[in-house]
Amino acid sequence: MKSEAYMTKDLQKRIQELEAALGLKQMEIDLLNMVIEMGNAELGVDLKRNFSTPPSTSSGKSNGKKVTK
């Protein structure tokens, strides 16, 4: 059985690892946002709003009816 002090030290190490990983992800998000902003300025288009494709005219569902080919 691990002592409480060892478990605490182990958990603190894990917290540091998670904080480091979170920091890297935040830096990645910041970089990607900067790229989007640069693209907005370069293209004159709001890439965040115009990223999605237009909606399909067909949902692909058969409304409960069996489709045969």
N, C-alpha and C. Protein backbone atom coordinates (compact mmCIF):
# COMPACT_ATOMS: atom_id res chain seq x y z
N MET A 1 0.85 -1.18 0.00
CA MET A 1 0.00 0.00 0.00
C MET A 1 0.90 1.25 0.00
N LYS A 2 0.59 2.18 -0.89
CA LYS A 2 1.38 3.41 -1.00
C LYS A 2 1.07 4.34 0.17
N SER A 3 2.09 5.05 0.59
CA SER A 3 1.88 6.01 1.67
C SER A 3 1.17 7.24 1.10
N GLU A 4 0.55 7.99 1.99
CA GLU A 4 -0.18 9.18 1.57
C GLU A 4 0.76 10.22 0.96
N ALA A 5 1.95 10.35 1.50
CA ALA A 5 2.93 11.31 0.98
C ALA A 5 3.35 10.92 -0.44
N TYR A 6 3.55 9.63 -0.69
CA TYR A 6 3.93 9.17 -2.02
C TYR A 6 2.79 9.42 -3.01
N MET A 7 1.57 9.14 -2.59
CA MET A 7 0.41 9.35 -3.47
C MET A 7 0.25 10.84 -3.78
N THR A 8 0.46 11.70 -2.80
CA THR A 8 0.35 13.14 -3.01
C THR A 8 1.39 13.61 -4.00
N LYS A 9 2.63 13.14 -3.84
CA LYS A 9 3.70 13.51 -4.75
C LYS A 9 3.39 13.02 -6.17
N ASP A 10 2.86 11.83 -6.27
CA ASP A 10 2.49 11.24 -7.56
C ASP A 10 1.38 12.07 -8.22
N LEU A 11 0.40 12.48 -7.45
CA LEU A 11 -0.70 13.28 -7.97
C LEU A 11 -0.23 14.67 -8.39
N GLN A 12 0.68 15.27 -7.64
CA GLN A 12 1.23 16.57 -8.01
C GLN A 12 2.00 16.50 -9.32
N LYS A 13 2.72 15.40 -9.52
CA LYS A 13 3.44 15.20 -10.77
C LYS A 13 2.45 15.09 -11.93
N ARG A 14 1.37 14.37 -11.70
CA ARG A 14 0.34 14.20 -12.73
C ARG A 14 -0.32 15.54 -13.07
N ILE A 15 -0.55 16.36 -12.07
CA ILE A 15 -1.13 17.69 -12.28
C ILE A 15 -0.20 18.52 -13.15
N GLN A 16 1.10 18.48 -12.88
CA GLN A 16 2.07 19.22 -13.68
C GLN A 16 2.07 18.75 -15.13
N GLU A 17 1.97 17.44 -15.32
CA GLU A 17 1.93 16.90 -16.68
C GLU A 17 0.69 17.37 -17.42
N LEU A 18 -0.44 17.35 -16.73
CA LEU A 18 -1.70 17.78 -17.35
C LEU A 18 -1.69 19.28 -17.65
N GLU A 19 -1.13 20.08 -16.74
CA GLU A 19 -1.03 21.51 -16.97
C GLU A 19 -0.14 21.81 -18.17
N ALA A 20 0.94 21.06 -18.32
CA ALA A 20 1.83 21.24 -19.46
C ALA A 20 1.11 20.88 -20.77
N ALA A 21 0.37 19.79 -20.76
CA ALA A 21 -0.38 19.38 -21.94
C ALA A 21 -1.45 20.42 -22.28
N LEU A 22 -2.11 20.94 -21.27
CA LEU A 22 -3.12 21.97 -21.48
C LEU A 22 -2.49 23.23 -22.06
N GLY A 23 -1.33 23.60 -21.57
CA GLY A 23 -0.63 24.76 -22.09
C GLY A 23 -0.27 24.61 -23.56
N LEU A 24 0.18 23.42 -23.94
CA LEU A 24 0.51 23.16 -25.35
C LEU A 24 -0.73 23.25 -26.23
N LYS A 25 -1.83 22.71 -25.76
CA LYS A 25 -3.07 22.76 -26.53
C LYS A 25 -3.56 24.20 -26.67
N GLN A 26 -3.42 25.00 -25.62
CA GLN A 26 -3.83 26.39 -25.69
C GLN A 26 -2.97 27.15 -26.69
N MET A 27 -1.68 26.85 -26.71
CA MET A 27 -0.79 27.49 -27.69
C MET A 27 -1.20 27.09 -29.11
N GLU A 28 -1.58 25.84 -29.30
CA GLU A 28 -2.03 25.38 -30.61
C GLU A 28 -3.30 26.10 -31.03
N ILE A 29 -4.24 26.25 -30.11
CA ILE A 29 -5.49 26.97 -30.39
C ILE A 29 -5.19 28.41 -30.76
N ASP A 30 -4.31 29.06 -30.00
CA ASP A 30 -3.95 30.45 -30.28
C ASP A 30 -3.33 30.58 -31.67
N LEU A 31 -2.45 29.66 -32.03
CA LEU A 31 -1.81 29.68 -33.35
C LEU A 31 -2.85 29.50 -34.46
N LEU A 32 -3.74 28.54 -34.29
CA LEU A 32 -4.77 28.30 -35.31
C LEU A 32 -5.70 29.50 -35.45
N ASN A 33 -6.02 30.16 -34.35
CA ASN A 33 -6.85 31.36 -34.42
C ASN A 33 -6.12 32.48 -35.16
N MET A 34 -4.82 32.58 -34.94
CA MET A 34 -4.03 33.59 -35.67
C MET A 34 -4.02 33.29 -37.16
N VAL A 35 -3.90 32.02 -37.52
CA VAL A 35 -3.92 31.64 -38.94
C VAL A 35 -5.27 31.98 -39.56
N ILE A 36 -6.35 31.73 -38.83
CA ILE A 36 -7.69 32.06 -39.33
C ILE A 36 -7.82 33.56 -39.52
N GLU A 37 -7.34 34.34 -38.55
CA GLU A 37 -7.41 35.80 -38.67
C GLU A 37 -6.60 36.29 -39.86
N MET A 38 -5.42 35.71 -40.08
CA MET A 38 -4.60 36.10 -41.23
C MET A 38 -5.30 35.74 -42.53
N GLY A 39 -5.94 34.58 -42.55
CA GLY A 39 -6.70 34.16 -43.73
C GLY A 39 -7.88 35.09 -43.98
N ASN A 40 -8.53 35.52 -42.90
CA ASN A 40 -9.64 36.47 -43.04
C ASN A 40 -9.16 37.75 -43.71
N ALA A 41 -8.03 38.26 -43.23
CA ALA A 41 -7.49 39.50 -43.77
C ALA A 41 -7.04 39.31 -45.22
N GLU A 42 -6.41 38.20 -45.50
CA GLU A 42 -5.90 37.94 -46.85
C GLU A 42 -7.01 37.73 -47.87
N LEU A 43 -8.03 36.98 -47.47
CA LEU A 43 -9.11 36.64 -48.40
C LEU A 43 -10.29 37.60 -48.35
N GLY A 44 -10.37 38.38 -47.27
CA GLY A 44 -11.51 39.28 -47.12
C GLY A 44 -12.80 38.54 -46.83
N VAL A 45 -12.68 37.38 -46.20
CA VAL A 45 -13.84 36.54 -45.91
C VAL A 45 -13.75 36.09 -44.47
N ASP A 46 -14.89 36.01 -43.80
CA ASP A 46 -14.92 35.49 -42.42
C ASP A 46 -14.91 33.97 -42.51
N LEU A 47 -13.73 33.38 -42.34
CA LEU A 47 -13.59 31.93 -42.50
C LEU A 47 -14.37 31.14 -41.47
N LYS A 48 -14.55 31.68 -40.29
CA LYS A 48 -15.30 30.96 -39.27
C LYS A 48 -16.76 30.84 -39.65
N ARG A 49 -17.31 31.86 -40.26
CA ARG A 49 -18.72 31.82 -40.65
C ARG A 49 -18.93 31.09 -41.96
N ASN A 50 -17.98 31.16 -42.85
CA ASN A 50 -18.15 30.58 -44.18
C ASN A 50 -17.48 29.22 -44.30
N PHE A 51 -17.14 28.62 -43.21
CA PHE A 51 -16.45 27.33 -43.25
C PHE A 51 -17.39 26.19 -43.58
N SER A 52 -18.62 26.24 -43.08
CA SER A 52 -19.54 25.13 -43.28
C SER A 52 -20.03 25.08 -44.72
N THR A 53 -20.36 23.88 -45.14
CA THR A 53 -20.89 23.70 -46.49
C THR A 53 -22.38 24.00 -46.49
N PRO A 54 -22.93 24.34 -47.63
CA PRO A 54 -24.36 24.61 -47.69
C PRO A 54 -25.16 23.36 -47.35
N PRO A 55 -26.33 23.53 -46.77
CA PRO A 55 -27.13 22.36 -46.40
C PRO A 55 -27.57 21.57 -47.62
N SER A 56 -27.68 20.29 -47.41
CA SER A 56 -28.11 19.39 -48.46
C SER A 56 -29.61 19.51 -48.66
N THR A 57 -30.08 19.27 -49.88
CA THR A 57 -31.52 19.31 -50.14
C THR A 57 -32.18 18.00 -49.74
N SER A 58 -31.40 16.97 -49.53
CA SER A 58 -31.93 15.66 -49.14
C SER A 58 -31.26 15.23 -47.85
N SER A 59 -32.07 14.74 -46.93
CA SER A 59 -31.51 14.31 -45.65
C SER A 59 -30.93 12.91 -45.72
N GLY A 60 -31.24 12.19 -46.79
CA GLY A 60 -30.74 10.83 -46.92
C GLY A 60 -31.61 9.81 -46.20
N LYS A 61 -32.65 10.30 -45.55
CA LYS A 61 -33.55 9.39 -44.84
C LYS A 61 -34.72 9.03 -45.73
N SER A 62 -35.32 7.90 -45.44
CA SER A 62 -36.43 7.44 -46.27
C SER A 62 -37.78 7.65 -45.60
N ASN A 63 -37.82 8.43 -44.52
CA ASN A 63 -39.06 8.71 -43.79
C ASN A 63 -39.76 7.44 -43.32
N GLY A 64 -38.99 6.47 -42.94
CA GLY A 64 -39.54 5.24 -42.41
C GLY A 64 -39.96 4.24 -43.45
N LYS A 65 -39.95 4.61 -44.70
CA LYS A 65 -40.34 3.70 -45.78
C LYS A 65 -39.12 2.92 -46.23
N LYS A 66 -39.33 1.68 -46.54
CA LYS A 66 -38.24 0.84 -47.01
C LYS A 66 -37.94 1.18 -48.47
N VAL A 67 -36.66 1.42 -48.71
CA VAL A 67 -36.24 1.78 -50.08
C VAL A 67 -35.64 0.54 -50.71
N THR A 68 -36.15 0.20 -51.88
CA THR A 68 -35.61 -0.97 -52.59
C THR A 68 -34.96 -0.50 -53.87
N LYS A 69 -33.99 -1.26 -54.27
CA LYS A 69 -33.25 -0.92 -55.50
C LYS A 69 -33.47 -1.96 -56.53
